[in-house]
Amino acid sequence: MHVDLTMLEWARAQFAMTALFHFFFVPFTLGMSFIVAFFETIYVKTGKQEWKEITQFWQLIFGINFALGLSTGIIHEFEFGTNWSTYSWVVGDLFGAPLAVEGIVAFFMEATFAAISFFGWKRVSKGVHLASSWLLAIGSNLSALWILIANGFMQHPSKNSVSSISTLQDLK
């Protein structure tokens, strides 16, 4: 089987560019989620309007970074399937499991509470809105945890997982 090195280099460059943006925006977003929730907690406890304004300002910054991190993360998943299809086929059962948990649990948690947090200022009570901000922060960081678990396997596969991969390669 002949591998076209120019296509391989383009695939690596595409993945690197996506990773560059993803790794820049996501860590900032993860930390910012708790800062926004903390500022809103101060607003709810004190009732001072300036804390609401501070919260909404930083929530806007968080929202922009959240959208960029989300979109580059989705592109990453597609790149694994398109650019590294053999890798995905061989380790898909092991690598895909934590990503599936991330998608089903944490991502839906993020999506639900992001909607309430961003659009619920005049629609829900202060307590519900505050809870949604904290749950958004927790969901975002749970999402990162599951992705780091998948990445940990990718970087250092265990002996048991490697033996199951060898078995899969023997089936080819």
Protein backbone atom coordinates (compact mmCIF):
# COMPACT_ATOMS: atom_id res chain seq x y z
CA MET A 1 0.00 0.00 0.00
CA HIS A 2 1.45 3.34 -1.06
CA VAL A 3 0.88 6.37 1.20
CA ASP A 4 0.82 9.72 -0.55
CA LEU A 5 3.13 11.77 1.69
CA THR A 6 1.73 15.09 0.51
CA MET A 7 -1.76 14.07 1.63
CA LEU A 8 -0.34 12.80 4.90
CA GLU A 9 1.35 16.15 5.50
CA TRP A 10 -1.87 18.02 4.65
CA ALA A 11 -3.81 15.83 7.08
CA ARG A 12 -1.26 16.50 9.81
CA ALA A 13 -1.30 20.23 9.09
CA GLN A 14 -5.09 20.32 9.21
CA PHE A 15 -5.16 18.45 12.52
CA ALA A 16 -2.42 20.66 13.94
CA MET A 17 -4.27 23.84 12.99
CA THR A 18 -7.50 22.61 14.57
CA ALA A 19 -5.63 21.46 17.68
CA LEU A 20 -3.90 24.83 17.97
CA PHE A 21 -7.20 26.69 18.14
CA HIS A 22 -8.87 24.04 20.27
CA PHE A 23 -6.09 23.93 22.85
CA PHE A 24 -6.04 27.72 23.05
CA PHE A 25 -9.75 28.31 23.60
CA VAL A 26 -10.82 25.31 25.68
CA PRO A 27 -8.59 25.73 28.78
CA PHE A 28 -9.54 29.41 28.97
CA THR A 29 -13.20 28.43 28.73
CA LEU A 30 -12.93 25.78 31.42
CA GLY A 31 -11.50 28.22 33.94
CA MET A 32 -13.80 31.02 32.86
CA SER A 33 -16.90 28.88 33.46
CA PHE A 34 -16.24 28.81 37.21
CA ILE A 35 -15.36 32.51 37.31
CA VAL A 36 -18.70 33.39 35.69
CA ALA A 37 -20.56 31.14 38.14
CA PHE A 38 -18.64 32.70 41.05
CA PHE A 39 -19.49 36.25 39.89
CA GLU A 40 -23.13 35.30 39.55
CA THR A 41 -23.09 33.82 43.04
CA ILE A 42 -21.90 37.18 44.36
CA TYR A 43 -24.68 38.90 42.39
CA VAL A 44 -27.37 36.60 43.78
CA LYS A 45 -26.06 36.96 47.37
CA THR A 46 -25.64 40.76 47.29
CA GLY A 47 -28.28 41.73 44.74
CA LYS A 48 -25.99 44.49 43.46
CA GLN A 49 -26.54 45.35 39.82
CA GLU A 50 -22.83 45.87 39.08
CA TRP A 51 -22.17 42.18 39.82
CA LYS A 52 -24.85 41.22 37.31
CA GLU A 53 -23.18 43.45 34.72
CA ILE A 54 -19.76 41.94 35.51
CA THR A 55 -21.25 38.45 35.22
CA GLN A 56 -22.90 39.20 31.89
CA PHE A 57 -19.72 40.76 30.48
CA TRP A 58 -17.58 37.75 31.37
CA GLN A 59 -20.35 35.41 30.30
CA LEU A 60 -20.16 36.97 26.83
CA ILE A 61 -16.39 36.36 26.71
CA PHE A 62 -17.01 32.83 27.96
CA GLY A 63 -19.71 32.26 25.32
CA ILE A 64 -17.45 33.28 22.44
CA ASN A 65 -14.67 30.99 23.64
CA PHE A 66 -17.18 28.22 24.35
CA ALA A 67 -18.46 28.38 20.77
CA LEU A 68 -14.95 28.32 19.31
CA GLY A 69 -13.87 25.43 21.55
CA LEU A 70 -17.03 23.50 20.75
CA SER A 71 -16.71 23.94 16.99
CA THR A 72 -13.04 22.96 16.90
CA GLY A 73 -13.78 19.94 19.11
CA ILE A 74 -16.43 18.70 16.70
CA ILE A 75 -14.00 19.18 13.81
CA HIS A 76 -11.44 17.10 15.75
CA GLU A 77 -13.83 14.18 15.99
CA PHE A 78 -14.47 14.28 12.25
CA GLU A 79 -10.74 14.50 11.56
CA PHE A 80 -10.14 11.28 13.48
CA GLY A 81 -12.59 9.54 11.18
CA THR A 82 -11.47 11.12 7.92
CA ASN A 83 -7.73 11.72 8.33
CA TRP A 84 -6.91 8.83 10.64
CA SER A 85 -9.53 6.26 9.63
CA THR A 86 -7.27 3.24 10.16
CA TYR A 87 -6.44 4.43 13.68
CA SER A 88 -10.15 4.95 14.34
CA TRP A 89 -10.98 1.48 13.03
CA VAL A 90 -8.31 -0.23 15.12
CA VAL A 91 -8.87 1.55 18.45
CA GLY A 92 -12.41 2.81 17.92
CA ASP A 93 -13.96 0.55 20.56
CA LEU A 94 -11.48 1.69 23.21
CA PHE A 95 -10.95 5.30 22.14
CA GLY A 96 -14.62 5.88 21.31
CA ALA A 97 -16.07 4.75 24.65
CA PRO A 98 -14.94 7.76 26.72
CA LEU A 99 -15.86 10.07 23.84
CA ALA A 100 -19.34 8.51 23.77
CA VAL A 101 -19.76 9.09 27.51
CA GLU A 102 -18.56 12.66 27.03
CA GLY A 103 -21.07 13.22 24.26
CA ILE A 104 -24.03 11.59 25.97
CA VAL A 105 -23.55 12.88 29.51
CA ALA A 106 -21.35 15.95 29.65
CA PHE A 107 -22.08 17.49 26.26
CA PHE A 108 -25.86 17.30 26.71
CA MET A 109 -25.45 18.70 30.22
CA GLU A 110 -23.41 21.58 28.79
CA ALA A 111 -25.90 22.24 25.99
CA THR A 112 -28.92 22.26 28.30
CA PHE A 113 -27.46 24.54 30.93
CA ALA A 114 -25.68 26.79 28.41
CA ALA A 115 -29.07 27.58 26.91
CA ILE A 116 -30.54 28.44 30.30
CA SER A 117 -27.45 30.37 31.34
CA PHE A 118 -27.17 32.46 28.17
CA PHE A 119 -30.86 33.01 27.38
CA GLY A 120 -32.56 32.65 30.74
CA TRP A 121 -31.75 35.94 32.45
CA LYS A 122 -35.33 37.23 32.15
CA ARG A 123 -37.04 33.83 31.85
CA VAL A 124 -36.06 31.93 35.01
CA SER A 125 -35.55 32.84 38.65
CA LYS A 126 -32.19 33.96 40.01
CA GLY A 127 -31.74 30.62 41.80
CA VAL A 128 -32.44 28.53 38.71
CA HIS A 129 -30.14 30.72 36.64
CA LEU A 130 -27.37 30.46 39.22
CA ALA A 131 -27.77 26.68 39.37
CA SER A 132 -27.58 26.51 35.57
CA SER A 133 -24.35 28.53 35.59
CA TRP A 134 -22.74 26.17 38.10
CA LEU A 135 -24.02 23.09 36.26
CA LEU A 136 -22.65 24.50 32.99
CA ALA A 137 -19.24 24.88 34.63
CA ILE A 138 -19.40 21.35 36.04
CA GLY A 139 -20.59 19.93 32.70
CA SER A 140 -17.83 21.68 30.77
CA ASN A 141 -15.18 20.31 33.08
CA LEU A 142 -16.72 16.82 33.04
CA SER A 143 -16.55 16.98 29.27
CA ALA A 144 -12.87 17.86 29.48
CA LEU A 145 -12.30 14.99 31.91
CA TRP A 146 -13.70 12.39 29.51
CA ILE A 147 -11.72 13.81 26.61
CA LEU A 148 -8.55 13.70 28.71
CA ILE A 149 -9.31 10.07 29.57
CA ALA A 150 -9.56 9.28 25.84
CA ASN A 151 -6.38 11.25 25.18
CA GLY A 152 -4.62 9.43 28.02
CA PHE A 153 -5.37 6.11 26.34
CA MET A 154 -4.21 7.50 23.00
CA GLN A 155 -0.90 8.65 24.48
CA HIS A 156 -0.22 5.63 26.73
CA PRO A 157 -2.30 2.57 25.85
CA SER A 158 -2.30 -0.15 28.51
CA LYS A 159 -0.98 -3.66 27.92
CA ASN A 160 -4.49 -5.10 27.94
CA SER A 161 -5.75 -2.61 25.37
CA VAL A 162 -2.68 -3.16 23.18
CA SER A 163 -3.26 -6.93 23.19
CA SER A 164 -6.85 -6.41 22.09
CA ILE A 165 -5.63 -4.07 19.34
CA SER A 166 -3.12 -6.73 18.20
CA THR A 167 -5.97 -9.22 18.07
CA LEU A 168 -7.96 -6.83 15.90
CA GLN A 169 -5.00 -6.33 13.58
CA ASP A 170 -4.64 -10.10 13.20
CA LEU A 171 -8.24 -10.19 11.97
CA LYS A 172 -7.42 -7.94 9.00
